[in-house]
Every structure is written in structure tokens, then in C-alpha cells.
Amino acid sequence: MRIIDNDGNTIRHTTLWDKDNFVDVKMNDELDIDLYLLGYNYLDDPKQVYPFVSQFYFWELK
């Protein structure tokens, strides 16, 4: 998945997607600490510090 902000900058690029969320974000949730050791959740932006996402690109690997 690739996420692009309103200014055209890539803010997220990964192929690790599992059903409904990024694999690294799920792993952070399992750690149950308030750090983003494995990857920040740009979709929900819990700290409200990133611009709105303007484009999403998904690739399916077969």
C-alpha cells in the first residue's frame, strides 16, 4: 500500500497489509505501550500530526 498526502509526498509505503490494517500497526497494538516501535498508524493518525491522506494505492500479490 502507498499513501500520498495532499502535497504529493509519500508518507507510507508497505506491502504488509492484513485484512483491515497494517501488520506493523497490529504488532504495536499487541505490545500495549504508547510507542510506535514497529510503525506509525498513518490511517488513524492518533497523534494528529500528519496531513490528510489524499490518495491510496493497493497492490495485490498473487
PDB file of N, CA and C in Angstrom:
ATOM      1  N   MET A   1       0.843  -1.178   0.000  1.00  0.00           N
ATOM      2  CA  MET A   1       0.000   0.000   0.000  1.00  0.00           C
ATOM      3  C   MET A   1       0.883   1.234   0.000  1.00  0.00           C
ATOM      4  N   ARG A   2       0.477   2.220  -0.753  1.00  0.00           N
ATOM      5  CA  ARG A   2       1.181   3.500  -0.783  1.00  0.00           C
ATOM      6  C   ARG A   2       0.179   4.594  -0.441  1.00  0.00           C
ATOM      7  N   ILE A   3       0.555   5.489   0.476  1.00  0.00           N
ATOM      8  CA  ILE A   3      -0.302   6.608   0.870  1.00  0.00           C
ATOM      9  C   ILE A   3       0.406   7.904   0.500  1.00  0.00           C
ATOM     10  N   ILE A   4      -0.322   8.804  -0.155  1.00  0.00           N
ATOM     11  CA  ILE A   4       0.233  10.090  -0.581  1.00  0.00           C
ATOM     12  C   ILE A   4      -0.559  11.210   0.080  1.00  0.00           C
ATOM     13  N   ASP A   5       0.163  12.212   0.613  1.00  0.00           N
ATOM     14  CA  ASP A   5      -0.522  13.330   1.266  1.00  0.00           C
ATOM     15  C   ASP A   5      -0.971  14.366   0.239  1.00  0.00           C
ATOM     16  N   ASN A   6      -1.606  15.426   0.716  1.00  0.00           N
ATOM     17  CA  ASN A   6      -2.145  16.459  -0.174  1.00  0.00           C
ATOM     18  C   ASN A   6      -1.078  17.197  -0.971  1.00  0.00           C
ATOM     19  N   ASP A   7       0.171  17.159  -0.503  1.00  0.00           N
ATOM     20  CA  ASP A   7       1.262  17.824  -1.214  1.00  0.00           C
ATOM     21  C   ASP A   7       1.971  16.899  -2.191  1.00  0.00           C
ATOM     22  N   GLY A   8       1.505  15.660  -2.311  1.00  0.00           N
ATOM     23  CA  GLY A   8       2.109  14.711  -3.231  1.00  0.00           C
ATOM     24  C   GLY A   8       3.272  13.931  -2.660  1.00  0.00           C
ATOM     25  N   ASN A   9       3.501  14.041  -1.357  1.00  0.00           N
ATOM     26  CA  ASN A   9       4.597  13.321  -0.710  1.00  0.00           C
ATOM     27  C   ASN A   9       4.142  11.939  -0.260  1.00  0.00           C
ATOM     28  N   THR A  10       4.977  10.938  -0.492  1.00  0.00           N
ATOM     29  CA  THR A  10       4.678   9.608   0.011  1.00  0.00           C
ATOM     30  C   THR A  10       4.946   9.584   1.509  1.00  0.00           C
ATOM     31  N   ILE A  11       3.927   9.248   2.298  1.00  0.00           N
ATOM     32  CA  ILE A  11       4.118   9.191   3.746  1.00  0.00           C
ATOM     33  C   ILE A  11       4.062   7.757   4.261  1.00  0.00           C
ATOM     34  N   ARG A  12       3.692   6.835   3.417  1.00  0.00           N
ATOM     35  CA  ARG A  12       3.639   5.439   3.850  1.00  0.00           C
ATOM     36  C   ARG A  12       3.781   4.548   2.630  1.00  0.00           C
ATOM     37  N   HIS A  13       4.613   3.533   2.751  1.00  0.00           N
ATOM     38  CA  HIS A  13       4.741   2.567   1.679  1.00  0.00           C
ATOM     39  C   HIS A  13       5.060   1.222   2.291  1.00  0.00           C
ATOM     40  N   THR A  14       4.210   0.271   2.086  1.00  0.00           N
ATOM     41  CA  THR A  14       4.417  -1.056   2.657  1.00  0.00           C
ATOM     42  C   THR A  14       3.636  -2.087   1.862  1.00  0.00           C
ATOM     43  N   THR A  15       4.042  -3.304   1.956  1.00  0.00           N
ATOM     44  CA  THR A  15       3.264  -4.404   1.386  1.00  0.00           C
ATOM     45  C   THR A  15       2.692  -5.270   2.492  1.00  0.00           C
ATOM     46  N   LEU A  16       2.866  -4.846   3.718  1.00  0.00           N
ATOM     47  CA  LEU A  16       2.405  -5.633   4.857  1.00  0.00           C
ATOM     48  C   LEU A  16       1.004  -5.201   5.275  1.00  0.00           C
ATOM     49  N   TRP A  17       0.000  -5.790   4.673  1.00  0.00           N
ATOM     50  CA  TRP A  17      -1.391  -5.465   4.956  1.00  0.00           C
ATOM     51  C   TRP A  17      -2.109  -6.759   5.305  1.00  0.00           C
ATOM     52  N   ASP A  18      -2.863  -6.761   6.399  1.00  0.00           N
ATOM     53  CA  ASP A  18      -3.544  -7.971   6.834  1.00  0.00           C
ATOM     54  C   ASP A  18      -5.016  -7.690   7.080  1.00  0.00           C
ATOM     55  N   LYS A  19      -5.845  -7.991   6.138  1.00  0.00           N
ATOM     56  CA  LYS A  19      -7.302  -7.877   6.202  1.00  0.00           C
ATOM     57  C   LYS A  19      -7.814  -6.463   6.393  1.00  0.00           C
ATOM     58  N   ASP A  20      -7.450  -5.804   7.489  1.00  0.00           N
ATOM     59  CA  ASP A  20      -8.032  -4.497   7.775  1.00  0.00           C
ATOM     60  C   ASP A  20      -7.047  -3.487   8.349  1.00  0.00           C
ATOM     61  N   ASN A  21      -5.757  -3.843   8.392  1.00  0.00           N
ATOM     62  CA  ASN A  21      -4.788  -2.910   8.959  1.00  0.00           C
ATOM     63  C   ASN A  21      -3.380  -3.339   8.578  1.00  0.00           C
ATOM     64  N   PHE A  22      -2.423  -2.454   8.812  1.00  0.00           N
ATOM     65  CA  PHE A  22      -1.030  -2.791   8.577  1.00  0.00           C
ATOM     66  C   PHE A  22      -0.566  -3.811   9.607  1.00  0.00           C
ATOM     67  N   VAL A  23       0.271  -4.749   9.180  1.00  0.00           N
ATOM     68  CA  VAL A  23       0.800  -5.764  10.087  1.00  0.00           C
ATOM     69  C   VAL A  23       1.591  -5.117  11.217  1.00  0.00           C
ATOM     70  N   ASP A  24       2.428  -4.124  10.901  1.00  0.00           N
ATOM     71  CA  ASP A  24       3.239  -3.491  11.948  1.00  0.00           C
ATOM     72  C   ASP A  24       2.392  -2.711  12.946  1.00  0.00           C
ATOM     73  N   VAL A  25       1.287  -2.117  12.498  1.00  0.00           N
ATOM     74  CA  VAL A  25       0.390  -1.409  13.416  1.00  0.00           C
ATOM     75  C   VAL A  25      -0.265  -2.406  14.370  1.00  0.00           C
ATOM     76  N   LYS A  26      -0.682  -3.554  13.850  1.00  0.00           N
ATOM     77  CA  LYS A  26      -1.255  -4.593  14.712  1.00  0.00           C
ATOM     78  C   LYS A  26      -0.233  -5.071  15.735  1.00  0.00           C
ATOM     79  N   MET A  27       1.014  -5.207  15.312  1.00  0.00           N
ATOM     80  CA  MET A  27       2.060  -5.634  16.237  1.00  0.00           C
ATOM     81  C   MET A  27       2.271  -4.594  17.333  1.00  0.00           C
ATOM     82  N   ASN A  28       2.205  -3.307  16.990  1.00  0.00           N
ATOM     83  CA  ASN A  28       2.306  -2.249  18.008  1.00  0.00           C
ATOM     84  C   ASN A  28       1.168  -2.352  19.013  1.00  0.00           C
ATOM     85  N   ASP A  29      -0.041  -2.605  18.518  1.00  0.00           N
ATOM     86  CA  ASP A  29      -1.198  -2.735  19.409  1.00  0.00           C
ATOM     87  C   ASP A  29      -1.010  -3.890  20.386  1.00  0.00           C
ATOM     88  N   GLU A  30      -0.390  -4.960  19.919  1.00  0.00           N
ATOM     89  CA  GLU A  30      -0.160  -6.119  20.784  1.00  0.00           C
ATOM     90  C   GLU A  30       0.864  -5.817  21.877  1.00  0.00           C
ATOM     91  N   LEU A  31       1.771  -4.868  21.638  1.00  0.00           N
ATOM     92  CA  LEU A  31       2.769  -4.516  22.647  1.00  0.00           C
ATOM     93  C   LEU A  31       2.156  -3.777  23.830  1.00  0.00           C
ATOM     94  N   ASP A  32       1.029  -3.098  23.589  1.00  0.00           N
ATOM     95  CA  ASP A  32       0.302  -2.383  24.639  1.00  0.00           C
ATOM     96  C   ASP A  32       1.164  -1.332  25.352  1.00  0.00           C
ATOM     97  N   ILE A  33       1.960  -0.608  24.574  1.00  0.00           N
ATOM     98  CA  ILE A  33       2.711   0.529  25.104  1.00  0.00           C
ATOM     99  C   ILE A  33       2.461   1.721  24.190  1.00  0.00           C
ATOM    100  N   ASP A  34       2.676   2.913  24.674  1.00  0.00           N
ATOM    101  CA  ASP A  34       2.378   4.123  23.905  1.00  0.00           C
ATOM    102  C   ASP A  34       3.571   4.574  23.056  1.00  0.00           C
ATOM    103  N   LEU A  35       4.173   3.633  22.363  1.00  0.00           N
ATOM    104  CA  LEU A  35       5.265   3.930  21.437  1.00  0.00           C
ATOM    105  C   LEU A  35       4.948   3.283  20.101  1.00  0.00           C
ATOM    106  N   TYR A  36       5.541   3.812  19.054  1.00  0.00           N
ATOM    107  CA  TYR A  36       5.323   3.251  17.722  1.00  0.00           C
ATOM    108  C   TYR A  36       6.622   2.618  17.249  1.00  0.00           C
ATOM    109  N   LEU A  37       7.031   1.552  17.938  1.00  0.00           N
ATOM    110  CA  LEU A  37       8.303   0.903  17.649  1.00  0.00           C
ATOM    111  C   LEU A  37       8.325   0.238  16.283  1.00  0.00           C
ATOM    112  N   LEU A  38       7.193  -0.270  15.837  1.00  0.00           N
ATOM    113  CA  LEU A  38       7.155  -1.064  14.614  1.00  0.00           C
ATOM    114  C   LEU A  38       6.532  -0.337  13.434  1.00  0.00           C
ATOM    115  N   GLY A  39       5.945   0.823  13.641  1.00  0.00           N
ATOM    116  CA  GLY A  39       5.328   1.572  12.549  1.00  0.00           C
ATOM    117  C   GLY A  39       4.187   2.441  13.039  1.00  0.00           C
ATOM    118  N   TYR A  40       4.121   3.655  12.548  1.00  0.00           N
ATOM    119  CA  TYR A  40       3.066   4.597  12.944  1.00  0.00           C
ATOM    120  C   TYR A  40       1.791   4.327  12.152  1.00  0.00           C
ATOM    121  N   ASN A  41       0.649   4.508  12.764  1.00  0.00           N
ATOM    122  CA  ASN A  41      -0.636   4.298  12.114  1.00  0.00           C
ATOM    123  C   ASN A  41      -1.071   5.579  11.400  1.00  0.00           C
ATOM    124  N   TYR A  42      -0.654   5.716  10.144  1.00  0.00           N
ATOM    125  CA  TYR A  42      -0.984   6.915   9.373  1.00  0.00           C
ATOM    126  C   TYR A  42      -2.460   6.993   9.009  1.00  0.00           C
ATOM    127  N   LEU A  43      -3.147   5.878   8.962  1.00  0.00           N
ATOM    128  CA  LEU A  43      -4.565   5.901   8.600  1.00  0.00           C
ATOM    129  C   LEU A  43      -5.415   6.558   9.679  1.00  0.00           C
ATOM    130  N   ASP A  44      -5.144   6.230  10.939  1.00  0.00           N
ATOM    131  CA  ASP A  44      -5.910   6.814  12.046  1.00  0.00           C
ATOM    132  C   ASP A  44      -5.243   8.055  12.630  1.00  0.00           C
ATOM    133  N   ASP A  45      -3.934   8.191  12.442  1.00  0.00           N
ATOM    134  CA  ASP A  45      -3.149   9.331  12.921  1.00  0.00           C
ATOM    135  C   ASP A  45      -3.493   9.697  14.368  1.00  0.00           C
ATOM    136  N   PRO A  46      -3.217   8.791  15.326  1.00  0.00           N
ATOM    137  CA  PRO A  46      -3.620   9.026  16.715  1.00  0.00           C
ATOM    138  C   PRO A  46      -3.027  10.278  17.358  1.00  0.00           C
ATOM    139  N   LYS A  47      -1.886  10.741  16.898  1.00  0.00           N
ATOM    140  CA  LYS A  47      -1.288  11.950  17.471  1.00  0.00           C
ATOM    141  C   LYS A  47      -1.704  13.217  16.726  1.00  0.00           C
ATOM    142  N   GLN A  48      -2.481  13.063  15.659  1.00  0.00           N
ATOM    143  CA  GLN A  48      -2.981  14.196  14.870  1.00  0.00           C
ATOM    144  C   GLN A  48      -1.858  15.118  14.398  1.00  0.00           C
ATOM    145  N   VAL A  49      -0.799  14.541  13.846  1.00  0.00           N
ATOM    146  CA  VAL A  49       0.347  15.337  13.407  1.00  0.00           C
ATOM    147  C   VAL A  49       0.632  15.223  11.913  1.00  0.00           C
ATOM    148  N   TYR A  50      -0.105  14.377  11.209  1.00  0.00           N
ATOM    149  CA  TYR A  50       0.152  14.198   9.783  1.00  0.00           C
ATOM    150  C   TYR A  50      -0.998  14.768   8.959  1.00  0.00           C
ATOM    151  N   PRO A  51      -0.703  15.249   7.772  1.00  0.00           N
ATOM    152  CA  PRO A  51      -1.750  15.837   6.919  1.00  0.00           C
ATOM    153  C   PRO A  51      -2.742  14.780   6.450  1.00  0.00           C
ATOM    154  N   PHE A  52      -3.864  15.265   5.973  1.00  0.00           N
ATOM    155  CA  PHE A  52      -4.868  14.352   5.450  1.00  0.00           C
ATOM    156  C   PHE A  52      -4.309  13.578   4.265  1.00  0.00           C
ATOM    157  N   VAL A  53      -4.706  12.340   4.170  1.00  0.00           N
ATOM    158  CA  VAL A  53      -4.284  11.488   3.065  1.00  0.00           C
ATOM    159  C   VAL A  53      -5.173  11.791   1.866  1.00  0.00           C
ATOM    160  N   SER A  54      -4.556  11.937   0.697  1.00  0.00           N
ATOM    161  CA  SER A  54      -5.339  12.262  -0.487  1.00  0.00           C
ATOM    162  C   SER A  54      -5.444  11.115  -1.479  1.00  0.00           C
ATOM    163  N   GLN A  55      -4.531  10.138  -1.412  1.00  0.00           N
ATOM    164  CA  GLN A  55      -4.556   9.038  -2.370  1.00  0.00           C
ATOM    165  C   GLN A  55      -4.121   7.736  -1.702  1.00  0.00           C
ATOM    166  N   PHE A  56      -4.761   6.648  -2.108  1.00  0.00           N
ATOM    167  CA  PHE A  56      -4.366   5.315  -1.664  1.00  0.00           C
ATOM    168  C   PHE A  56      -4.106   4.456  -2.891  1.00  0.00           C
ATOM    169  N   TYR A  57      -3.077   3.651  -2.833  1.00  0.00           N
ATOM    170  CA  TYR A  57      -2.794   2.698  -3.900  1.00  0.00           C
ATOM    171  C   TYR A  57      -2.592   1.333  -3.272  1.00  0.00           C
ATOM    172  N   PHE A  58      -3.335   0.333  -3.731  1.00  0.00           N
ATOM    173  CA  PHE A  58      -3.193  -1.029  -3.230  1.00  0.00           C
ATOM    174  C   PHE A  58      -2.720  -1.931  -4.359  1.00  0.00           C
ATOM    175  N   TRP A  59      -1.831  -2.848  -4.036  1.00  0.00           N
ATOM    176  CA  TRP A  59      -1.402  -3.868  -4.982  1.00  0.00           C
ATOM    177  C   TRP A  59      -1.688  -5.215  -4.352  1.00  0.00           C
ATOM    178  N   GLU A  60      -2.248  -6.117  -5.120  1.00  0.00           N
ATOM    179  CA  GLU A  60      -2.496  -7.462  -4.626  1.00  0.00           C
ATOM    180  C   GLU A  60      -1.451  -8.396  -5.200  1.00  0.00           C
ATOM    181  N   LEU A  61      -0.781  -9.117  -4.331  1.00  0.00           N
ATOM    182  CA  LEU A  61       0.222 -10.081  -4.766  1.00  0.00           C
ATOM    183  C   LEU A  61      -0.439 -11.435  -4.922  1.00  0.00           C
ATOM    184  N   LYS A  62      -0.225 -12.033  -6.078  1.00  0.00           N
ATOM    185  CA  LYS A  62      -0.841 -13.347  -6.340  1.00  0.00           C
ATOM    186  C   LYS A  62       0.222 -14.374  -6.605  1.00  0.00           C
TER     187      LYS A  62
END
